[in-house]
Amino acid sequence: MYPEIFRIGSVTVHSYGLMIALGIMVAAVALYREAPRVKIDPDYILEAVIIGAFSGLIGARILYILLNWSYYRTMPLSAFFTQFEGLSFYGGLFLGVTSLYFWSRWRRIGFFKLADILSPYLALGYAFGRIGCFLNGCCYGLVTDLPWALPAGLADDLPRHPVQLYAAFGSIIIFIVLKQLRPRRPFVGFVTLSLFVLYGLLRFTTEFFRHGEPVLLGLTTAQLFSLGLIIAALLFIAAVFYIFSEDKETEDYFPLSKKDAGKGKKKAQK
């Protein structure tokens, strides 16, 4: 494992932090170039990335501390960090989404429209973060005798599931799926909800190969969060399709109505 990439004087560049920073930079550049095509000011996109990344890191750290409170309550000063370490994705997702919701209202940008643009790159950024975990040797998998098993630097020298790479590979697939899905979405917000479902499934699955303590029904805390996310997203999707089927007004919240989606399909057939 390579927790430290290089040093410049007294400054150490850690692989985990570097990969997270690289993921944010790649997403920012790609989104900045894509913004004009979706009729959003590129500067607003950069604002959204900065706000989402900053609040997401804070939320990820807060949830990690809460989940490990038995340790941090005796060492409160260690809760403050200078490197990207000790983060929980679900905490980052919650605070990041909440911050962007209020920011989008302030900027008068449709939240669901913005979220659909950002969602694929959130999956891509997650892949960068998991590669950082692999290089750092954290978030390691269970011991196994599979031929592709690798040791985890922060655990021991035993061969383990490279679960970080499983998650990274799955996230790249989610990124590709969401990018292909966006032009075909039946309503605004569908890409974001699809991200929640697909990521929830990915996290729920990879947790079976990851080192962790079950808390309820043999499931880890992350798996319980994942199930909640999947169910909530599927119920939301079902509710919107029910609204469409009842021919109720949805234009204020979901501009791509059932009729609009049908027109899009007819044009594609021509």
Foldseek 3Di string as FASTA:
>chain_A
DAQFDDDDVPDTDGLLQVLLVVLLVVLLVVLLVCCVVLPHHSVVSNVLSVLLSVQLLVQQLVVLCVVVVVVCVVPVVVSDDDGSDRGHRVRSVVRSLVRLVVVCVVVVHQSLQSLLSCLLSVLQSLLSNLVSCQNSLPQWFDADPDPPFAHRPVPDRGGADSLSNLSSVLSNVLSVVSVVCVVLDQWRNLSNLVSLQSNLVSQLVSVVGTDDDCDPPRGRPSNVVSVVSNVVSVVVVVVLVVCLVVVHDDCVRIVNGNVNSVVVVVVVVD
